[in-house]
Protein backbone atom coordinates (compact mmCIF):
# COMPACT_ATOMS: atom_id res chain seq x y z
CA UNK A 1 -10.68 11.70 -4.57
CA UNK A 2 -11.69 8.49 -2.68
CA UNK A 3 -10.53 9.18 0.84
CA UNK A 4 -8.76 11.72 2.49
CA UNK A 5 -4.92 11.15 2.54
CA UNK A 6 -3.60 14.57 2.65
CA UNK A 7 0.04 13.94 3.05
CA UNK A 8 -0.20 11.40 -0.01
CA UNK A 9 -2.00 13.86 -2.15
CA UNK A 10 0.23 16.84 -1.42
CA UNK A 11 3.18 14.59 -2.05
CA UNK A 12 1.44 13.34 -5.36
CA UNK A 13 0.57 16.80 -6.55
CA UNK A 14 4.46 17.71 -6.68
CA UNK A 15 5.49 14.41 -8.67
CA UNK A 16 6.69 14.90 -12.27
CA UNK A 17 4.58 12.09 -14.02
CA UNK A 18 7.04 11.83 -16.89
CA UNK A 19 9.35 10.44 -14.45
CA UNK A 20 7.02 8.93 -11.88
CA UNK A 21 7.73 5.28 -10.66
CA UNK A 22 4.97 2.68 -10.61
CA UNK A 23 4.27 2.91 -6.70
CA UNK A 24 3.50 6.61 -7.31
CA UNK A 25 1.27 5.85 -10.33
CA UNK A 26 -0.67 3.23 -8.22
CA UNK A 27 -1.11 5.77 -5.32
CA UNK A 28 -2.32 8.19 -7.62
CA UNK A 29 -4.89 5.66 -9.27
CA UNK A 30 -6.18 4.66 -5.72
CA UNK A 31 -6.64 8.21 -4.76
CA UNK A 32 -8.76 9.11 -7.91
CA UNK A 33 -10.60 5.98 -8.63
CA UNK A 34 -13.10 4.74 -5.74
CA UNK A 35 -14.07 1.35 -7.07
CA UNK A 36 -10.00 0.58 -7.53
CA UNK A 37 -9.47 1.56 -4.02
CA UNK A 38 -12.23 -0.68 -2.67
CA UNK A 39 -10.92 -3.66 -4.73
CA UNK A 40 -7.37 -3.10 -3.27
CA UNK A 41 -8.62 -2.44 0.29
CA UNK A 42 -10.48 -5.76 -0.09
CA UNK A 43 -7.51 -7.72 -1.28
CA UNK A 44 -5.62 -6.57 1.72
CA UNK A 45 -8.20 -7.34 4.20
CA UNK A 46 -8.84 -10.73 2.59
CA UNK A 47 -5.12 -11.49 3.17
CA UNK A 48 -5.43 -11.04 6.93
CA UNK A 49 -8.79 -12.45 7.46
CA UNK A 50 -8.03 -16.01 8.17
CA UNK A 51 -5.37 -15.52 10.80
CA UNK A 52 -2.56 -14.60 8.64
CA UNK A 53 -0.14 -12.18 10.28
CA UNK A 54 2.05 -11.07 7.52
CA UNK A 55 1.71 -10.60 3.61
CA UNK A 56 3.83 -9.34 0.71
CA UNK A 57 4.05 -6.32 -1.04
CA UNK A 58 6.67 -4.53 -3.11
CA UNK A 59 8.69 -1.34 -2.47
CA UNK A 60 9.48 1.25 -4.68
CA UNK A 61 12.85 -0.25 -5.61
CA UNK A 62 11.00 -3.47 -6.54
CA UNK A 63 12.07 -5.39 -3.71
CA UNK A 64 9.88 -7.65 -1.74
CA UNK A 65 8.65 -6.23 1.49
CA UNK A 66 6.88 -7.85 4.27
CA UNK A 67 3.61 -6.24 5.52
CA UNK A 68 2.10 -6.83 9.02
CA UNK A 69 -1.24 -5.88 10.48
CA UNK A 70 -1.67 -5.22 14.14
CA UNK A 71 -4.93 -4.73 15.62
CA UNK A 72 -5.60 -1.66 17.84
CA UNK A 73 -8.74 -1.21 20.01
CA UNK A 74 -10.48 -4.35 18.44
CA UNK A 75 -11.45 -3.19 15.16
CA UNK A 76 -8.97 -0.79 14.26
CA UNK A 77 -5.69 -1.91 12.57
CA UNK A 78 -2.29 -0.56 12.09
CA UNK A 79 -0.03 -1.62 9.24
CA UNK A 80 3.61 -2.01 9.51
CA UNK A 81 6.07 -2.50 6.70
CA UNK A 82 9.49 -3.98 7.19
CA UNK A 83 12.33 -1.87 5.73
CA UNK A 84 15.31 -3.24 3.90
CA UNK A 85 17.27 -2.70 7.32
CA UNK A 86 15.05 -5.28 8.83
CA UNK A 87 13.18 -2.50 10.92
CA UNK A 88 9.45 -2.25 11.01
CA UNK A 89 7.84 1.01 10.47
CA UNK A 90 4.40 2.58 10.16
CA UNK A 91 3.81 4.54 6.81
CA UNK A 92 2.21 7.66 7.16
CA UNK A 93 -1.12 6.73 5.62
CA UNK A 94 -2.61 3.29 4.62
CA UNK A 95 -2.55 4.39 0.91
CA UNK A 96 1.23 3.48 0.69
CA UNK A 97 0.46 -0.24 1.94
CA UNK A 98 -2.18 -0.66 -0.70
CA UNK A 99 -0.07 0.59 -3.39
CA UNK A 100 2.73 -1.70 -2.18
CA UNK A 101 0.29 -4.78 -2.32
CA UNK A 102 -1.11 -3.86 -5.93
CA UNK A 103 2.61 -3.09 -7.13
CA UNK A 104 3.22 -6.82 -5.98
CA UNK A 105 0.16 -8.27 -7.46
CA UNK A 106 0.95 -6.54 -10.90
CA UNK A 107 4.59 -7.68 -10.96
CA UNK A 108 3.24 -11.17 -9.97
CA UNK A 109 1.04 -11.43 -12.83
CA UNK A 110 3.96 -10.56 -15.52
CA UNK A 111 6.28 -13.10 -14.00
């Protein structure tokens, strides 16, 4: 396991992988492959480095979702995701933001 994301790990341990959606598969891959985790984390960081305040990800239902990064205490960040109802919420763990960004990248490549 790359980093500790206990809530995501507990959830993914209960998933039926024969029926799992692509977001769950990506999250599992992120948890189990350190190099992949670092690549996706770097992609996310680059999207915000040059003053950009929002980027795009894809949710579980295949809808585009805005992702916003807010700075906390100088070097710490909080990621917010815009839901289908237009409200912003913070996911329990960053792994879900990374999975949404990677899902968007994969779908973008195939279109």
